[in-house]
Amino acid sequence: MTTIAAPEAPVAPAVPVAPARVRLGAFTAESTFIARSFRHSVRDIDAMLMAVLLPTMLMLMFTFIFGNAIDPSGGYVDYVVPGIILLCAGFGASSTAISVSRDMTTGIIDRFRTMPLRSGAVLTGHVVASLARNLVATGVVIAVALLVGFRPVATPLEWIALVALVALYILAITYLFAAIGLAASSPEAASGYGFILLFLPYLSSAFVPVETMPEWLQWVAENQPITPVVETIRGLLMHTPVGDQGWWALGWCAGIIAVSVVWGAWLFRRRAGRR
């Protein structure tokens, strides 16, 4: 007798399960982009050399060509070095605008936005790498200044305060340049906008006393961020009167950082399509 097998029940098609979204640990993205920016800095030897050579050449020019005309006593190098320190920081930070703009225009951000990354991680990598690079460049410039006759009278505690203030200034101007790199339409435009900011030290007390300027320019020099930072650095190094310039320097740096961080985060979300 033939047995008829019962038909098998139809098998339901497998429902694809979406992969779980990877959650990164705290500061994992930031540390990754910091390492990436450091690798780029090490490879970009030309940018590092320019960040050191340009301020050093300007210091030598002001000291040996213009110095005797400005201060025949030969002490102009002690006056000009604080301004050169800030100029060095500006030259080094300006490359951040170009690097950020390059990231935004080469398509790599399109890859980043598909990953579970915080929008500020890319900028943090650029800023931290620039801070370290510029502190090294500033140290080299100070060493060269000592070789050409710079004689600071700062105590060890004042040197620590100096390094902290310079680091805060570098952080502020680097965040500002990073935001400019986001706002610029191309790396070339970012370089041009950054170059304009590099003129600010010349409109301050970095190279000549404010009172020697025309009256209309004195107001500009006294009410811009570079002058209080320069005067505070000069006071720490040479024990010149500082007054309330130190508080103004801290306030300017904190304000620039706050505005640049907010502006940069908004620009990054807008350009990278992040929410």
C-alpha atoms as a PDB file:
ATOM      1  CA  MET A   1       0.000   0.000   0.000  1.00  0.00           C
ATOM      2  CA  THR A   2       1.483   3.334  -1.018  1.00  0.00           C
ATOM      3  CA  THR A   3       1.691   6.058   1.645  1.00  0.00           C
ATOM      4  CA  ILE A   4       1.164   9.598   0.456  1.00  0.00           C
ATOM      5  CA  ALA A   5       3.439  12.098   2.291  1.00  0.00           C
ATOM      6  CA  ALA A   6       1.812  15.242   3.592  1.00  0.00           C
ATOM      7  CA  PRO A   7       3.005  18.402   1.857  1.00  0.00           C
ATOM      8  CA  GLU A   8       5.577  20.395   3.828  1.00  0.00           C
ATOM      9  CA  ALA A   9       4.504  23.707   5.272  1.00  0.00           C
ATOM     10  CA  PRO A  10       5.937  26.682   3.384  1.00  0.00           C
ATOM     11  CA  VAL A  11       8.990  28.222   5.028  1.00  0.00           C
ATOM     12  CA  ALA A  12       8.680  31.951   5.727  1.00  0.00           C
ATOM     13  CA  PRO A  13      11.470  34.021   4.182  1.00  0.00           C
ATOM     14  CA  ALA A  14      14.104  35.199   6.603  1.00  0.00           C
ATOM     15  CA  VAL A  15      13.699  38.793   7.657  1.00  0.00           C
ATOM     16  CA  PRO A  16      17.043  40.649   7.430  1.00  0.00           C
ATOM     17  CA  VAL A  17      18.137  42.026  10.748  1.00  0.00           C
ATOM     18  CA  ALA A  18      19.717  45.466  10.664  1.00  0.00           C
ATOM     19  CA  PRO A  19      23.171  45.470  12.217  1.00  0.00           C
ATOM     20  CA  ALA A  20      23.344  47.133  15.578  1.00  0.00           C
ATOM     21  CA  ARG A  21      24.702  50.666  15.424  1.00  0.00           C
ATOM     22  CA  VAL A  22      28.168  50.734  16.854  1.00  0.00           C
ATOM     23  CA  ARG A  23      28.556  52.942  19.878  1.00  0.00           C
ATOM     24  CA  LEU A  24      31.958  54.487  20.335  1.00  0.00           C
ATOM     25  CA  GLY A  25      33.399  55.002  23.759  1.00  0.00           C
ATOM     26  CA  ALA A  26      34.018  58.425  25.219  1.00  0.00           C
ATOM     27  CA  PHE A  27      36.648  60.365  23.247  1.00  0.00           C
ATOM     28  CA  THR A  28      37.320  57.413  20.923  1.00  0.00           C
ATOM     29  CA  ALA A  29      36.521  59.491  17.853  1.00  0.00           C
ATOM     30  CA  GLU A  30      38.494  62.449  19.154  1.00  0.00           C
ATOM     31  CA  SER A  31      41.578  60.352  19.854  1.00  0.00           C
ATOM     32  CA  THR A  32      41.363  58.812  16.389  1.00  0.00           C
ATOM     33  CA  PHE A  33      41.246  62.169  14.641  1.00  0.00           C
ATOM     34  CA  ILE A  34      43.961  63.607  16.876  1.00  0.00           C
ATOM     35  CA  ALA A  35      46.242  60.729  15.845  1.00  0.00           C
ATOM     36  CA  ARG A  36      45.286  61.309  12.203  1.00  0.00           C
ATOM     37  CA  SER A  37      46.137  65.018  12.425  1.00  0.00           C
ATOM     38  CA  PHE A  38      49.456  64.271  14.142  1.00  0.00           C
ATOM     39  CA  ARG A  39      50.409  61.909  11.314  1.00  0.00           C
ATOM     40  CA  HIS A  40      49.589  64.596   8.776  1.00  0.00           C
ATOM     41  CA  SER A  41      51.647  67.140  10.739  1.00  0.00           C
ATOM     42  CA  VAL A  42      54.666  64.855  10.829  1.00  0.00           C
ATOM     43  CA  ARG A  43      54.439  64.288   7.098  1.00  0.00           C
ATOM     44  CA  ASP A  44      53.953  67.988   6.282  1.00  0.00           C
ATOM     45  CA  ILE A  45      57.493  69.092   7.058  1.00  0.00           C
ATOM     46  CA  ASP A  46      57.177  72.187   4.875  1.00  0.00           C
ATOM     47  CA  ALA A  47      54.345  73.642   6.965  1.00  0.00           C
ATOM     48  CA  MET A  48      56.297  73.060  10.176  1.00  0.00           C
ATOM     49  CA  LEU A  49      59.411  74.705   8.759  1.00  0.00           C
ATOM     50  CA  MET A  50      57.469  77.727   7.548  1.00  0.00           C
ATOM     51  CA  ALA A  51      55.787  78.103  10.955  1.00  0.00           C
ATOM     52  CA  VAL A  52      59.259  78.395  12.497  1.00  0.00           C
ATOM     53  CA  LEU A  53      61.280  80.094   9.761  1.00  0.00           C
ATOM     54  CA  LEU A  54      58.929  82.979   8.952  1.00  0.00           C
ATOM     55  CA  PRO A  55      58.640  84.328  12.529  1.00  0.00           C
ATOM     56  CA  THR A  56      62.369  83.759  13.059  1.00  0.00           C
ATOM     57  CA  MET A  57      63.229  85.714   9.916  1.00  0.00           C
ATOM     58  CA  LEU A  58      60.910  88.531  10.970  1.00  0.00           C
ATOM     59  CA  MET A  59      62.509  88.627  14.414  1.00  0.00           C
ATOM     60  CA  LEU A  60      65.987  88.834  12.893  1.00  0.00           C
ATOM     61  CA  MET A  61      64.828  91.533  10.475  1.00  0.00           C
ATOM     62  CA  PHE A  62      63.217  93.668  13.168  1.00  0.00           C
ATOM     63  CA  THR A  63      66.173  93.175  15.523  1.00  0.00           C
ATOM     64  CA  PHE A  64      69.094  93.804  13.175  1.00  0.00           C
ATOM     65  CA  ILE A  65      67.574  96.042  10.475  1.00  0.00           C
ATOM     66  CA  PHE A  66      64.930  98.142  12.253  1.00  0.00           C
ATOM     67  CA  GLY A  67      66.057  97.633  15.849  1.00  0.00           C
ATOM     68  CA  ASN A  68      68.717 100.368  16.024  1.00  0.00           C
ATOM     69  CA  ALA A  69      66.383 102.884  14.421  1.00  0.00           C
ATOM     70  CA  ILE A  70      63.605 102.105  16.907  1.00  0.00           C
ATOM     71  CA  ASP A  71      65.792 101.628  20.003  1.00  0.00           C
ATOM     72  CA  PRO A  72      69.443 102.735  19.605  1.00  0.00           C
ATOM     73  CA  SER A  73      70.291 101.220  22.998  1.00  0.00           C
ATOM     74  CA  GLY A  74      70.100  97.743  21.472  1.00  0.00           C
ATOM     75  CA  GLY A  75      67.314  96.516  23.734  1.00  0.00           C
ATOM     76  CA  TYR A  76      64.675  96.269  21.043  1.00  0.00           C
ATOM     77  CA  VAL A  77      64.969  92.475  20.924  1.00  0.00           C
ATOM     78  CA  ASP A  78      63.560  92.298  24.461  1.00  0.00           C
ATOM     79  CA  TYR A  79      60.583  94.370  23.338  1.00  0.00           C
ATOM     80  CA  VAL A  80      59.842  92.563  20.095  1.00  0.00           C
ATOM     81  CA  VAL A  81      60.077  88.887  21.157  1.00  0.00           C
ATOM     82  CA  PRO A  82      56.596  88.752  22.798  1.00  0.00           C
ATOM     83  CA  GLY A  83      55.059  89.928  19.531  1.00  0.00           C
ATOM     84  CA  ILE A  84      57.106  87.409  17.554  1.00  0.00           C
ATOM     85  CA  ILE A  85      55.801  84.641  19.836  1.00  0.00           C
ATOM     86  CA  LEU A  86      52.210  85.529  18.894  1.00  0.00           C
ATOM     87  CA  LEU A  87      53.170  85.926  15.253  1.00  0.00           C
ATOM     88  CA  CYS A  88      54.642  82.415  15.349  1.00  0.00           C
ATOM     89  CA  ALA A  89      51.386  81.093  16.795  1.00  0.00           C
ATOM     90  CA  GLY A  90      49.418  82.847  14.064  1.00  0.00           C
ATOM     91  CA  PHE A  91      51.530  81.463  11.233  1.00  0.00           C
ATOM     92  CA  GLY A  92      51.254  77.949  12.644  1.00  0.00           C
ATOM     93  CA  ALA A  93      47.518  78.119  13.288  1.00  0.00           C
ATOM     94  CA  SER A  94      46.757  79.507   9.827  1.00  0.00           C
ATOM     95  CA  SER A  95      47.604  76.127   8.295  1.00  0.00           C
ATOM     96  CA  THR A  96      44.681  74.672  10.273  1.00  0.00           C
ATOM     97  CA  ALA A  97      42.235  76.645   8.145  1.00  0.00           C
ATOM     98  CA  ILE A  98      43.725  75.110   4.996  1.00  0.00           C
ATOM     99  CA  SER A  99      43.693  71.569   6.434  1.00  0.00           C
ATOM    100  CA  VAL A 100      40.072  71.832   7.563  1.00  0.00           C
ATOM    101  CA  SER A 101      38.983  73.318   4.252  1.00  0.00           C
ATOM    102  CA  ARG A 102      40.809  70.534   2.403  1.00  0.00           C
ATOM    103  CA  ASP A 103      38.928  67.928   4.433  1.00  0.00           C
ATOM    104  CA  MET A 104      35.624  69.595   3.601  1.00  0.00           C
ATOM    105  CA  THR A 105      36.296  69.770  -0.145  1.00  0.00           C
ATOM    106  CA  THR A 106      37.978  66.424  -0.907  1.00  0.00           C
ATOM    107  CA  GLY A 107      35.008  64.198  -0.032  1.00  0.00           C
ATOM    108  CA  ILE A 108      36.417  62.528   3.063  1.00  0.00           C
ATOM    109  CA  ILE A 109      33.731  64.159   5.207  1.00  0.00           C
ATOM    110  CA  ASP A 110      31.131  62.262   3.151  1.00  0.00           C
ATOM    111  CA  ARG A 111      32.682  59.071   4.522  1.00  0.00           C
ATOM    112  CA  PHE A 112      32.885  60.388   8.069  1.00  0.00           C
ATOM    113  CA  ARG A 113      29.219  61.347   8.214  1.00  0.00           C
ATOM    114  CA  THR A 114      28.176  57.719   7.662  1.00  0.00           C
ATOM    115  CA  MET A 115      29.986  56.785  10.876  1.00  0.00           C
ATOM    116  CA  PRO A 116      28.729  57.215  14.440  1.00  0.00           C
ATOM    117  CA  LEU A 117      30.962  60.210  15.083  1.00  0.00           C
ATOM    118  CA  ARG A 118      30.375  63.387  17.015  1.00  0.00           C
ATOM    119  CA  SER A 119      30.420  66.390  14.717  1.00  0.00           C
ATOM    120  CA  GLY A 120      33.212  68.109  16.653  1.00  0.00           C
ATOM    121  CA  ALA A 121      35.641  65.181  16.577  1.00  0.00           C
ATOM    122  CA  VAL A 122      37.199  66.167  13.242  1.00  0.00           C
ATOM    123  CA  LEU A 123      37.815  69.737  14.392  1.00  0.00           C
ATOM    124  CA  THR A 124      39.184  68.573  17.740  1.00  0.00           C
ATOM    125  CA  GLY A 125      41.817  66.496  15.950  1.00  0.00           C
ATOM    126  CA  HIS A 126      42.991  69.463  13.897  1.00  0.00           C
ATOM    127  CA  VAL A 127      43.033  71.819  16.891  1.00  0.00           C
ATOM    128  CA  VAL A 128      44.940  69.548  19.292  1.00  0.00           C
ATOM    129  CA  ALA A 129      47.579  68.675  16.683  1.00  0.00           C
ATOM    130  CA  SER A 130      47.993  72.360  15.828  1.00  0.00           C
ATOM    131  CA  LEU A 131      48.335  73.249  19.514  1.00  0.00           C
ATOM    132  CA  ALA A 132      51.177  70.760  20.014  1.00  0.00           C
ATOM    133  CA  ARG A 133      52.882  71.741  16.751  1.00  0.00           C
ATOM    134  CA  ASN A 134      52.739  75.455  17.536  1.00  0.00           C
ATOM    135  CA  LEU A 135      54.039  75.033  21.091  1.00  0.00           C
ATOM    136  CA  VAL A 136      57.095  73.275  19.655  1.00  0.00           C
ATOM    137  CA  ALA A 137      57.555  76.026  17.060  1.00  0.00           C
ATOM    138  CA  THR A 138      57.228  78.698  19.755  1.00  0.00           C
ATOM    139  CA  GLY A 139      59.919  76.977  21.810  1.00  0.00           C
ATOM    140  CA  VAL A 140      62.264  77.015  18.826  1.00  0.00           C
ATOM    141  CA  VAL A 141      61.616  80.723  18.208  1.00  0.00           C
ATOM    142  CA  ILE A 142      62.345  81.566  21.870  1.00  0.00           C
ATOM    143  CA  ALA A 143      65.583  79.548  21.670  1.00  0.00           C
ATOM    144  CA  VAL A 144      66.678  81.529  18.605  1.00  0.00           C
ATOM    145  CA  ALA A 145      65.762  84.765  20.385  1.00  0.00           C
ATOM    146  CA  LEU A 146      68.038  83.823  23.275  1.00  0.00           C
ATOM    147  CA  LEU A 147      70.881  83.305  20.807  1.00  0.00           C
ATOM    148  CA  VAL A 148      70.473  86.808  19.350  1.00  0.00           C
ATOM    149  CA  GLY A 149      70.438  88.594  22.700  1.00  0.00           C
ATOM    150  CA  PHE A 150      66.993  88.161  24.265  1.00  0.00           C
ATOM    151  CA  ARG A 151      67.389  88.245  28.038  1.00  0.00           C
ATOM    152  CA  PRO A 152      64.136  87.570  29.941  1.00  0.00           C
ATOM    153  CA  VAL A 153      63.996  87.980  33.721  1.00  0.00           C
ATOM    154  CA  ALA A 154      60.988  85.712  34.344  1.00  0.00           C
ATOM    155  CA  THR A 155      60.885  83.396  37.343  1.00  0.00           C
ATOM    156  CA  PRO A 156      60.027  79.681  36.924  1.00  0.00           C
ATOM    157  CA  LEU A 157      56.447  80.388  38.023  1.00  0.00           C
ATOM    158  CA  GLU A 158      56.178  83.187  35.464  1.00  0.00           C
ATOM    159  CA  TRP A 159      57.487  80.849  32.745  1.00  0.00           C
ATOM    160  CA  ILE A 160      54.724  78.388  33.641  1.00  0.00           C
ATOM    161  CA  ALA A 161      52.150  81.191  33.444  1.00  0.00           C
ATOM    162  CA  LEU A 162      53.649  82.251  30.111  1.00  0.00           C
ATOM    163  CA  VAL A 163      53.349  78.762  28.624  1.00  0.00           C
ATOM    164  CA  ALA A 164      49.751  78.513  29.859  1.00  0.00           C
ATOM    165  CA  LEU A 165      48.818  81.873  28.328  1.00  0.00           C
ATOM    166  CA  VAL A 166      50.526  81.098  25.011  1.00  0.00           C
ATOM    167  CA  ALA A 167      48.776  77.709  24.893  1.00  0.00           C
ATOM    168  CA  LEU A 168      45.417  79.380  25.575  1.00  0.00           C
ATOM    169  CA  TYR A 169      46.062  81.924  22.823  1.00  0.00           C
ATOM    170  CA  ILE A 170      47.100  79.192  20.383  1.00  0.00           C
ATOM    171  CA  LEU A 171      43.959  77.243  21.259  1.00  0.00           C
ATOM    172  CA  ALA A 172      41.786  80.306  20.664  1.00  0.00           C
ATOM    173  CA  ILE A 173      43.305  81.309  17.341  1.00  0.00           C
ATOM    174  CA  THR A 174      43.430  77.701  16.116  1.00  0.00           C
ATOM    175  CA  TYR A 175      39.725  77.192  16.792  1.00  0.00           C
ATOM    176  CA  LEU A 176      39.088  80.461  14.962  1.00  0.00           C
ATOM    177  CA  PHE A 177      41.138  79.352  11.956  1.00  0.00           C
ATOM    178  CA  ALA A 178      39.363  75.968  11.980  1.00  0.00           C
ATOM    179  CA  ALA A 179      36.003  77.750  11.782  1.00  0.00           C
ATOM    180  CA  ILE A 180      37.339  79.920   8.960  1.00  0.00           C
ATOM    181  CA  GLY A 181      38.390  76.749   7.126  1.00  0.00           C
ATOM    182  CA  LEU A 182      34.814  75.467   7.431  1.00  0.00           C
ATOM    183  CA  ALA A 183      33.348  78.747   6.197  1.00  0.00           C
ATOM    184  CA  ALA A 184      35.715  79.064   3.212  1.00  0.00           C
ATOM    185  CA  SER A 185      34.719  77.621  -0.133  1.00  0.00           C
ATOM    186  CA  SER A 186      38.195  76.266  -0.909  1.00  0.00           C
ATOM    187  CA  PRO A 187      41.635  75.845   0.692  1.00  0.00           C
ATOM    188  CA  GLU A 188      42.866  78.837  -1.301  1.00  0.00           C
ATOM    189  CA  ALA A 189      40.081  81.028   0.091  1.00  0.00           C
ATOM    190  CA  ALA A 190      40.811  79.770   3.605  1.00  0.00           C
ATOM    191  CA  SER A 191      44.460  80.742   3.170  1.00  0.00           C
ATOM    192  CA  GLY A 192      43.455  84.240   2.056  1.00  0.00           C
ATOM    193  CA  TYR A 193      41.060  84.813   4.953  1.00  0.00           C
ATOM    194  CA  GLY A 194      43.646  83.552   7.423  1.00  0.00           C
ATOM    195  CA  PHE A 195      46.290  85.840   5.974  1.00  0.00           C
ATOM    196  CA  ILE A 196      44.129  88.852   6.855  1.00  0.00           C
ATOM    197  CA  LEU A 197      44.130  87.853  10.547  1.00  0.00           C
ATOM    198  CA  LEU A 198      47.918  87.651  10.529  1.00  0.00           C
ATOM    199  CA  PHE A 199      48.023  91.451  10.207  1.00  0.00           C
ATOM    200  CA  LEU A 200      46.501  91.974  13.671  1.00  0.00           C
ATOM    201  CA  PRO A 201      49.857  91.802  15.537  1.00  0.00           C
ATOM    202  CA  TYR A 202      51.136  94.692  13.406  1.00  0.00           C
ATOM    203  CA  LEU A 203      48.177  96.813  14.597  1.00  0.00           C
ATOM    204  CA  SER A 204      49.003  96.231  18.255  1.00  0.00           C
ATOM    205  CA  SER A 205      51.798  96.991  20.706  1.00  0.00           C
ATOM    206  CA  ALA A 206      53.736  93.961  19.462  1.00  0.00           C
ATOM    207  CA  PHE A 207      56.362  95.948  17.515  1.00  0.00           C
ATOM    208  CA  VAL A 208      56.014  99.586  18.607  1.00  0.00           C
ATOM    209  CA  PRO A 209      54.355 101.284  21.606  1.00  0.00           C
ATOM    210  CA  VAL A 210      50.726 102.217  21.042  1.00  0.00           C
ATOM    211  CA  GLU A 211      51.332 105.865  21.949  1.00  0.00           C
ATOM    212  CA  THR A 212      53.625 106.285  18.919  1.00  0.00           C
ATOM    213  CA  MET A 213      50.768 105.522  16.520  1.00  0.00           C
ATOM    214  CA  PRO A 214      48.332 108.065  15.054  1.00  0.00           C
ATOM    215  CA  GLU A 215      45.444 108.838  17.394  1.00  0.00           C
ATOM    216  CA  TRP A 216      42.797 107.091  15.290  1.00  0.00           C
ATOM    217  CA  LEU A 217      44.970 103.952  15.157  1.00  0.00           C
ATOM    218  CA  GLN A 218      45.663 103.982  18.886  1.00  0.00           C
ATOM    219  CA  TRP A 219      42.001 103.196  19.577  1.00  0.00           C
ATOM    220  CA  VAL A 220      42.201 100.164  17.262  1.00  0.00           C
ATOM    221  CA  ALA A 221      45.431  98.950  18.847  1.00  0.00           C
ATOM    222  CA  GLU A 222      44.121  99.318  22.395  1.00  0.00           C
ATOM    223  CA  ASN A 223      40.799  97.568  21.731  1.00  0.00           C
ATOM    224  CA  GLN A 224      41.817  94.439  19.881  1.00  0.00           C
ATOM    225  CA  PRO A 225      42.801  91.074  21.423  1.00  0.00           C
ATOM    226  CA  ILE A 226      46.507  91.031  20.501  1.00  0.00           C
ATOM    227  CA  THR A 227      47.572  94.029  22.593  1.00  0.00           C
ATOM    228  CA  PRO A 228      46.525  92.695  26.040  1.00  0.00           C
ATOM    229  CA  VAL A 229      48.027  89.284  25.250  1.00  0.00           C
ATOM    230  CA  VAL A 230      51.309  90.862  24.120  1.00  0.00           C
ATOM    231  CA  GLU A 231      51.468  93.163  27.147  1.00  0.00           C
ATOM    232  CA  THR A 232      50.818  90.253  29.511  1.00  0.00           C
ATOM    233  CA  ILE A 233      53.534  88.125  27.897  1.00  0.00           C
ATOM    234  CA  ARG A 234      55.922  91.095  27.998  1.00  0.00           C
ATOM    235  CA  GLY A 235      55.124  91.665  31.656  1.00  0.00           C
ATOM    236  CA  LEU A 236      55.778  88.021  32.517  1.00  0.00           C
ATOM    237  CA  LEU A 237      59.074  87.931  30.625  1.00  0.00           C
ATOM    238  CA  MET A 238      60.473  91.404  31.323  1.00  0.00           C
ATOM    239  CA  HIS A 239      58.551  92.539  34.446  1.00  0.00           C
ATOM    240  CA  THR A 240      56.975  95.495  32.658  1.00  0.00           C
ATOM    241  CA  PRO A 241      53.703  96.915  34.060  1.00  0.00           C
ATOM    242  CA  VAL A 242      50.704  94.752  33.168  1.00  0.00           C
ATOM    243  CA  GLY A 243      47.791  96.331  35.036  1.00  0.00           C
ATOM    244  CA  ASP A 244      44.483  94.743  34.046  1.00  0.00           C
ATOM    245  CA  GLN A 245      45.824  93.544  30.684  1.00  0.00           C
ATOM    246  CA  GLY A 246      46.093  89.979  31.996  1.00  0.00           C
ATOM    247  CA  TRP A 247      42.356  89.783  32.675  1.00  0.00           C
ATOM    248  CA  TRP A 248      41.610  91.275  29.274  1.00  0.00           C
ATOM    249  CA  ALA A 249      43.917  88.703  27.648  1.00  0.00           C
ATOM    250  CA  LEU A 250      42.116  85.819  29.365  1.00  0.00           C
ATOM    251  CA  GLY A 251      38.728  87.281  28.521  1.00  0.00           C
ATOM    252  CA  TRP A 252      39.572  87.762  24.846  1.00  0.00           C
ATOM    253  CA  CYS A 253      40.936  84.223  24.524  1.00  0.00           C
ATOM    254  CA  ALA A 254      37.938  82.671  26.295  1.00  0.00           C
ATOM    255  CA  GLY A 255      35.516  84.691  24.161  1.00  0.00           C
ATOM    256  CA  ILE A 256      37.230  83.736  20.899  1.00  0.00           C
ATOM    257  CA  ILE A 257      37.196  80.058  21.887  1.00  0.00           C
ATOM    258  CA  ALA A 258      33.501  80.134  22.820  1.00  0.00           C
ATOM    259  CA  VAL A 259      32.434  81.883  19.612  1.00  0.00           C
ATOM    260  CA  SER A 260      34.689  79.748  17.398  1.00  0.00           C
ATOM    261  CA  VAL A 261      33.534  76.438  18.921  1.00  0.00           C
ATOM    262  CA  VAL A 262      29.847  77.297  18.491  1.00  0.00           C
ATOM    263  CA  TRP A 263      30.361  78.722  15.006  1.00  0.00           C
ATOM    264  CA  GLY A 264      32.543  75.812  13.931  1.00  0.00           C
ATOM    265  CA  ALA A 265      30.117  73.159  15.205  1.00  0.00           C
ATOM    266  CA  TRP A 266      27.233  74.850  13.375  1.00  0.00           C
ATOM    267  CA  LEU A 267      29.229  75.141  10.144  1.00  0.00           C
ATOM    268  CA  PHE A 268      30.354  71.512  10.321  1.00  0.00           C
ATOM    269  CA  ARG A 269      26.808  70.199  10.837  1.00  0.00           C
ATOM    270  CA  ARG A 270      25.590  72.424   8.018  1.00  0.00           C
ATOM    271  CA  ARG A 271      28.268  71.446   5.497  1.00  0.00           C
ATOM    272  CA  ALA A 272      28.537  67.782   6.440  1.00  0.00           C
ATOM    273  CA  GLY A 273      24.788  67.221   6.600  1.00  0.00           C
ATOM    274  CA  ARG A 274      24.869  66.227  10.277  1.00  0.00           C
ATOM    275  CA  ARG A 275      22.152  66.978  12.809  1.00  0.00           C
END
